[in-house]
PDB file of N, CA and C in Angstrom:
ATOM      1  N   MET A   1       0.850  -1.183   0.000  1.00  0.00           N
ATOM      2  CA  MET A   1       0.000   0.000   0.000  1.00  0.00           C
ATOM      3  C   MET A   1       0.894   1.244   0.000  1.00  0.00           C
ATOM      4  N   ALA A   2       0.670   2.126  -0.945  1.00  0.00           N
ATOM      5  CA  ALA A   2       1.433   3.363  -1.050  1.00  0.00           C
ATOM      6  C   ALA A   2       0.812   4.434  -0.166  1.00  0.00           C
ATOM      7  N   ALA A   3       1.674   5.295   0.405  1.00  0.00           N
ATOM      8  CA  ALA A   3       1.186   6.384   1.251  1.00  0.00           C
ATOM      9  C   ALA A   3       2.038   7.625   1.046  1.00  0.00           C
ATOM     10  N   ILE A   4       1.397   8.783   1.191  1.00  0.00           N
ATOM     11  CA  ILE A   4       2.078  10.072   1.100  1.00  0.00           C
ATOM     12  C   ILE A   4       1.758  10.838   2.376  1.00  0.00           C
ATOM     13  N   THR A   5       2.777  11.391   3.019  1.00  0.00           N
ATOM     14  CA  THR A   5       2.578  12.221   4.208  1.00  0.00           C
ATOM     15  C   THR A   5       3.068  13.620   3.889  1.00  0.00           C
ATOM     16  N   VAL A   6       2.204  14.620   4.140  1.00  0.00           N
ATOM     17  CA  VAL A   6       2.555  16.008   3.863  1.00  0.00           C
ATOM     18  C   VAL A   6       2.294  16.870   5.093  1.00  0.00           C
ATOM     19  N   THR A   7       3.030  17.969   5.168  1.00  0.00           N
ATOM     20  CA  THR A   7       2.863  18.949   6.242  1.00  0.00           C
ATOM     21  C   THR A   7       2.191  20.179   5.657  1.00  0.00           C
ATOM     22  N   LEU A   8       1.173  20.667   6.353  1.00  0.00           N
ATOM     23  CA  LEU A   8       0.430  21.843   5.897  1.00  0.00           C
ATOM     24  C   LEU A   8       0.439  22.892   6.999  1.00  0.00           C
ATOM     25  N   LYS A   9       0.609  24.140   6.606  1.00  0.00           N
ATOM     26  CA  LYS A   9       0.661  25.268   7.540  1.00  0.00           C
ATOM     27  C   LYS A   9      -0.603  26.109   7.385  1.00  0.00           C
ATOM     28  N   GLN A  10      -1.134  26.562   8.519  1.00  0.00           N
ATOM     29  CA  GLN A  10      -2.336  27.392   8.491  1.00  0.00           C
ATOM     30  C   GLN A  10      -2.086  28.628   7.650  1.00  0.00           C
ATOM     31  N   GLU A  11      -3.026  28.877   6.732  1.00  0.00           N
ATOM     32  CA  GLU A  11      -2.871  30.002   5.821  1.00  0.00           C
ATOM     33  C   GLU A  11      -3.847  31.133   6.145  1.00  0.00           C
ATOM     34  N   ARG A  12      -5.145  30.788   6.248  1.00  0.00           N
ATOM     35  CA  ARG A  12      -6.115  31.828   6.574  1.00  0.00           C
ATOM     36  C   ARG A  12      -7.423  31.207   7.050  1.00  0.00           C
ATOM     37  N   GLU A  13      -8.272  32.059   7.594  1.00  0.00           N
ATOM     38  CA  GLU A  13      -9.577  31.656   8.113  1.00  0.00           C
ATOM     39  C   GLU A  13     -10.660  32.101   7.139  1.00  0.00           C
ATOM     40  N   THR A  14     -11.616  31.208   6.872  1.00  0.00           N
ATOM     41  CA  THR A  14     -12.791  31.564   6.089  1.00  0.00           C
ATOM     42  C   THR A  14     -13.993  31.519   7.029  1.00  0.00           C
ATOM     43  N   LYS A  15     -15.188  31.672   6.501  1.00  0.00           N
ATOM     44  CA  LYS A  15     -16.372  31.746   7.351  1.00  0.00           C
ATOM     45  C   LYS A  15     -16.530  30.511   8.251  1.00  0.00           C
ATOM     46  N   ASN A  16     -16.431  29.325   7.683  1.00  0.00           N
ATOM     47  CA  ASN A  16     -16.649  28.091   8.450  1.00  0.00           C
ATOM     48  C   ASN A  16     -15.459  27.136   8.461  1.00  0.00           C
ATOM     49  N   THR A  17     -14.354  27.556   7.854  1.00  0.00           N
ATOM     50  CA  THR A  17     -13.207  26.653   7.754  1.00  0.00           C
ATOM     51  C   THR A  17     -11.902  27.376   8.029  1.00  0.00           C
ATOM     52  N   MET A  18     -10.859  26.582   8.214  1.00  0.00           N
ATOM     53  CA  MET A  18      -9.490  27.081   8.276  1.00  0.00           C
ATOM     54  C   MET A  18      -8.790  26.500   7.054  1.00  0.00           C
ATOM     55  N   ARG A  19      -8.062  27.334   6.335  1.00  0.00           N
ATOM     56  CA  ARG A  19      -7.360  26.872   5.137  1.00  0.00           C
ATOM     57  C   ARG A  19      -5.891  26.651   5.471  1.00  0.00           C
ATOM     58  N   PHE A  20      -5.402  25.481   5.073  1.00  0.00           N
ATOM     59  CA  PHE A  20      -4.005  25.117   5.276  1.00  0.00           C
ATOM     60  C   PHE A  20      -3.345  24.954   3.918  1.00  0.00           C
ATOM     61  N   GLN A  21      -2.068  25.337   3.823  1.00  0.00           N
ATOM     62  CA  GLN A  21      -1.295  25.257   2.583  1.00  0.00           C
ATOM     63  C   GLN A  21      -0.154  24.273   2.782  1.00  0.00           C
ATOM     64  N   GLU A  22       0.015  23.370   1.834  1.00  0.00           N
ATOM     65  CA  GLU A  22       1.094  22.389   1.895  1.00  0.00           C
ATOM     66  C   GLU A  22       2.453  23.081   1.824  1.00  0.00           C
ATOM     67  N   GLN A  23       3.369  22.620   2.649  1.00  0.00           N
ATOM     68  CA  GLN A  23       4.726  23.141   2.660  1.00  0.00           C
ATOM     69  C   GLN A  23       5.594  22.244   1.780  1.00  0.00           C
ATOM     70  N   VAL A  24       6.160  22.811   0.716  1.00  0.00           N
ATOM     71  CA  VAL A  24       6.994  22.040  -0.210  1.00  0.00           C
ATOM     72  C   VAL A  24       8.339  22.736  -0.403  1.00  0.00           C
ATOM     73  N   GLU A  25       9.322  21.947  -0.778  1.00  0.00           N
ATOM     74  CA  GLU A  25      10.639  22.477  -1.108  1.00  0.00           C
ATOM     75  C   GLU A  25      10.556  23.197  -2.450  1.00  0.00           C
ATOM     76  N   ASP A  26      11.441  24.148  -2.690  1.00  0.00           N
ATOM     77  CA  ASP A  26      11.471  24.857  -3.968  1.00  0.00           C
ATOM     78  C   ASP A  26      11.616  23.860  -5.116  1.00  0.00           C
ATOM     79  N   GLY A  27      10.802  24.029  -6.132  1.00  0.00           N
ATOM     80  CA  GLY A  27      10.868  23.176  -7.301  1.00  0.00           C
ATOM     81  C   GLY A  27      10.023  21.922  -7.222  1.00  0.00           C
ATOM     82  N   GLN A  28       9.490  21.593  -6.034  1.00  0.00           N
ATOM     83  CA  GLN A  28       8.649  20.404  -5.895  1.00  0.00           C
ATOM     84  C   GLN A  28       7.195  20.735  -6.223  1.00  0.00           C
ATOM     85  N   THR A  29       6.477  19.746  -6.699  1.00  0.00           N
ATOM     86  CA  THR A  29       5.051  19.895  -6.977  1.00  0.00           C
ATOM     87  C   THR A  29       4.254  19.445  -5.756  1.00  0.00           C
ATOM     88  N   PRO A  30       3.300  20.256  -5.287  1.00  0.00           N
ATOM     89  CA  PRO A  30       2.494  19.852  -4.130  1.00  0.00           C
ATOM     90  C   PRO A  30       1.652  18.610  -4.443  1.00  0.00           C
ATOM     91  N   ALA A  31       1.498  17.734  -3.451  1.00  0.00           N
ATOM     92  CA  ALA A  31       0.652  16.553  -3.606  1.00  0.00           C
ATOM     93  C   ALA A  31      -0.799  16.894  -3.314  1.00  0.00           C
ATOM     94  N   ILE A  32      -1.033  17.803  -2.374  1.00  0.00           N
ATOM     95  CA  ILE A  32      -2.387  18.189  -1.970  1.00  0.00           C
ATOM     96  C   ILE A  32      -2.654  19.651  -2.292  1.00  0.00           C
ATOM     97  N   GLY A  33      -1.723  20.523  -2.016  1.00  0.00           N
ATOM     98  CA  GLY A  33      -1.902  21.960  -2.242  1.00  0.00           C
ATOM     99  C   GLY A  33      -2.580  22.594  -1.041  1.00  0.00           C
ATOM    100  N   GLN A  34      -3.869  22.897  -1.178  1.00  0.00           N
ATOM    101  CA  GLN A  34      -4.622  23.502  -0.081  1.00  0.00           C
ATOM    102  C   GLN A  34      -5.610  22.500   0.486  1.00  0.00           C
ATOM    103  N   LEU A  35      -5.826  22.598   1.795  1.00  0.00           N
ATOM    104  CA  LEU A  35      -6.780  21.738   2.464  1.00  0.00           C
ATOM    105  C   LEU A  35      -7.645  22.598   3.368  1.00  0.00           C
ATOM    106  N   TYR A  36      -8.945  22.412   3.297  1.00  0.00           N
ATOM    107  CA  TYR A  36      -9.882  23.151   4.137  1.00  0.00           C
ATOM    108  C   TYR A  36     -10.341  22.239   5.262  1.00  0.00           C
ATOM    109  N   LEU A  37     -10.229  22.722   6.502  1.00  0.00           N
ATOM    110  CA  LEU A  37     -10.599  21.967   7.694  1.00  0.00           C
ATOM    111  C   LEU A  37     -11.747  22.700   8.383  1.00  0.00           C
ATOM    112  N   GLN A  38     -12.839  21.992   8.659  1.00  0.00           N
ATOM    113  CA  GLN A  38     -13.970  22.608   9.332  1.00  0.00           C
ATOM    114  C   GLN A  38     -13.522  23.182  10.678  1.00  0.00           C
ATOM    115  N   LYS A  39     -14.057  24.342  11.048  1.00  0.00           N
ATOM    116  CA  LYS A  39     -13.656  24.995  12.294  1.00  0.00           C
ATOM    117  C   LYS A  39     -13.930  24.129  13.514  1.00  0.00           C
ATOM    118  N   SER A  40     -15.011  23.349  13.499  1.00  0.00           N
ATOM    119  CA  SER A  40     -15.304  22.485  14.650  1.00  0.00           C
ATOM    120  C   SER A  40     -14.184  21.465  14.850  1.00  0.00           C
ATOM    121  N   THR A  41     -13.694  20.885  13.760  1.00  0.00           N
ATOM    122  CA  THR A  41     -12.582  19.933  13.833  1.00  0.00           C
ATOM    123  C   THR A  41     -11.295  20.641  14.221  1.00  0.00           C
ATOM    124  N   TYR A  42     -11.085  21.812  13.677  1.00  0.00           N
ATOM    125  CA  TYR A  42      -9.915  22.632  14.002  1.00  0.00           C
ATOM    126  C   TYR A  42      -9.848  22.881  15.515  1.00  0.00           C
ATOM    127  N   HIS A  43     -10.974  23.210  16.125  1.00  0.00           N
ATOM    128  CA  HIS A  43     -11.008  23.453  17.569  1.00  0.00           C
ATOM    129  C   HIS A  43     -10.819  22.160  18.356  1.00  0.00           C
ATOM    130  N   GLN A  44     -11.357  21.042  17.863  1.00  0.00           N
ATOM    131  CA  GLN A  44     -11.165  19.747  18.526  1.00  0.00           C
ATOM    132  C   GLN A  44      -9.688  19.361  18.564  1.00  0.00           C
ATOM    133  N   LEU A  45      -8.940  19.782  17.544  1.00  0.00           N
ATOM    134  CA  LEU A  45      -7.508  19.470  17.456  1.00  0.00           C
ATOM    135  C   LEU A  45      -6.646  20.435  18.269  1.00  0.00           C
ATOM    136  N   GLY A  46      -7.258  21.431  18.919  1.00  0.00           N
ATOM    137  CA  GLY A  46      -6.492  22.372  19.728  1.00  0.00           C
ATOM    138  C   GLY A  46      -5.978  23.568  18.959  1.00  0.00           C
ATOM    139  N   GLN A  47      -6.611  23.917  17.852  1.00  0.00           N
ATOM    140  CA  GLN A  47      -6.266  25.065  17.026  1.00  0.00           C
ATOM    141  C   GLN A  47      -4.801  25.054  16.567  1.00  0.00           C
ATOM    142  N   PRO A  48      -4.392  23.989  15.871  1.00  0.00           N
ATOM    143  CA  PRO A  48      -2.996  23.891  15.432  1.00  0.00           C
ATOM    144  C   PRO A  48      -2.670  24.877  14.311  1.00  0.00           C
ATOM    145  N   THR A  49      -1.409  25.285  14.235  1.00  0.00           N
ATOM    146  CA  THR A  49      -0.951  26.112  13.130  1.00  0.00           C
ATOM    147  C   THR A  49      -0.323  25.260  12.035  1.00  0.00           C
ATOM    148  N   VAL A  50       0.049  24.026  12.382  1.00  0.00           N
ATOM    149  CA  VAL A  50       0.630  23.079  11.435  1.00  0.00           C
ATOM    150  C   VAL A  50      -0.056  21.732  11.632  1.00  0.00           C
ATOM    151  N   ILE A  51      -0.452  21.090  10.516  1.00  0.00           N
ATOM    152  CA  ILE A  51      -1.019  19.748  10.590  1.00  0.00           C
ATOM    153  C   ILE A  51      -0.260  18.835   9.647  1.00  0.00           C
ATOM    154  N   VAL A  52      -0.300  17.545   9.933  1.00  0.00           N
ATOM    155  CA  VAL A  52       0.334  16.525   9.102  1.00  0.00           C
ATOM    156  C   VAL A  52      -0.773  15.605   8.614  1.00  0.00           C
ATOM    157  N   VAL A  53      -0.802  15.371   7.301  1.00  0.00           N
ATOM    158  CA  VAL A  53      -1.835  14.542   6.689  1.00  0.00           C
ATOM    159  C   VAL A  53      -1.175  13.391   5.946  1.00  0.00           C
ATOM    160  N   THR A  54      -1.705  12.190   6.156  1.00  0.00           N
ATOM    161  CA  THR A  54      -1.228  11.010   5.431  1.00  0.00           C
ATOM    162  C   THR A  54      -2.357  10.507   4.546  1.00  0.00           C
ATOM    163  N   VAL A  55      -2.043  10.307   3.261  1.00  0.00           N
ATOM    164  CA  VAL A  55      -2.999   9.774   2.300  1.00  0.00           C
ATOM    165  C   VAL A  55      -2.478   8.408   1.877  1.00  0.00           C
ATOM    166  N   ALA A  56      -3.322   7.386   2.057  1.00  0.00           N
ATOM    167  CA  ALA A  56      -2.916   6.028   1.712  1.00  0.00           C
ATOM    168  C   ALA A  56      -3.914   5.427   0.736  1.00  0.00           C
ATOM    169  N   ALA A  57      -3.397   4.661  -0.207  1.00  0.00           N
ATOM    170  CA  ALA A  57      -4.240   3.949  -1.183  1.00  0.00           C
ATOM    171  C   ALA A  57      -4.465   2.533  -0.695  1.00  0.00           C
ATOM    172  N   GLU A  58      -5.668   2.035  -0.893  1.00  0.00           N
ATOM    173  CA  GLU A  58      -5.973   0.653  -0.523  1.00  0.00           C
ATOM    174  C   GLU A  58      -6.007  -0.219  -1.751  1.00  0.00           C
TER     175      GLU A  58
END
């Protein structure tokens, strides 16, 4: 099973979500780019400024 793990940094707040932007090295192509996290989940996680996401294929 293949998996990709990326780090995303909080970028800005929208009405009901927090937007996170993937952190990539210069010249690399983002795997996810931007990710929107519902504010309720954001608060459950303790209002992080950085999140780590793993995407795995089954």
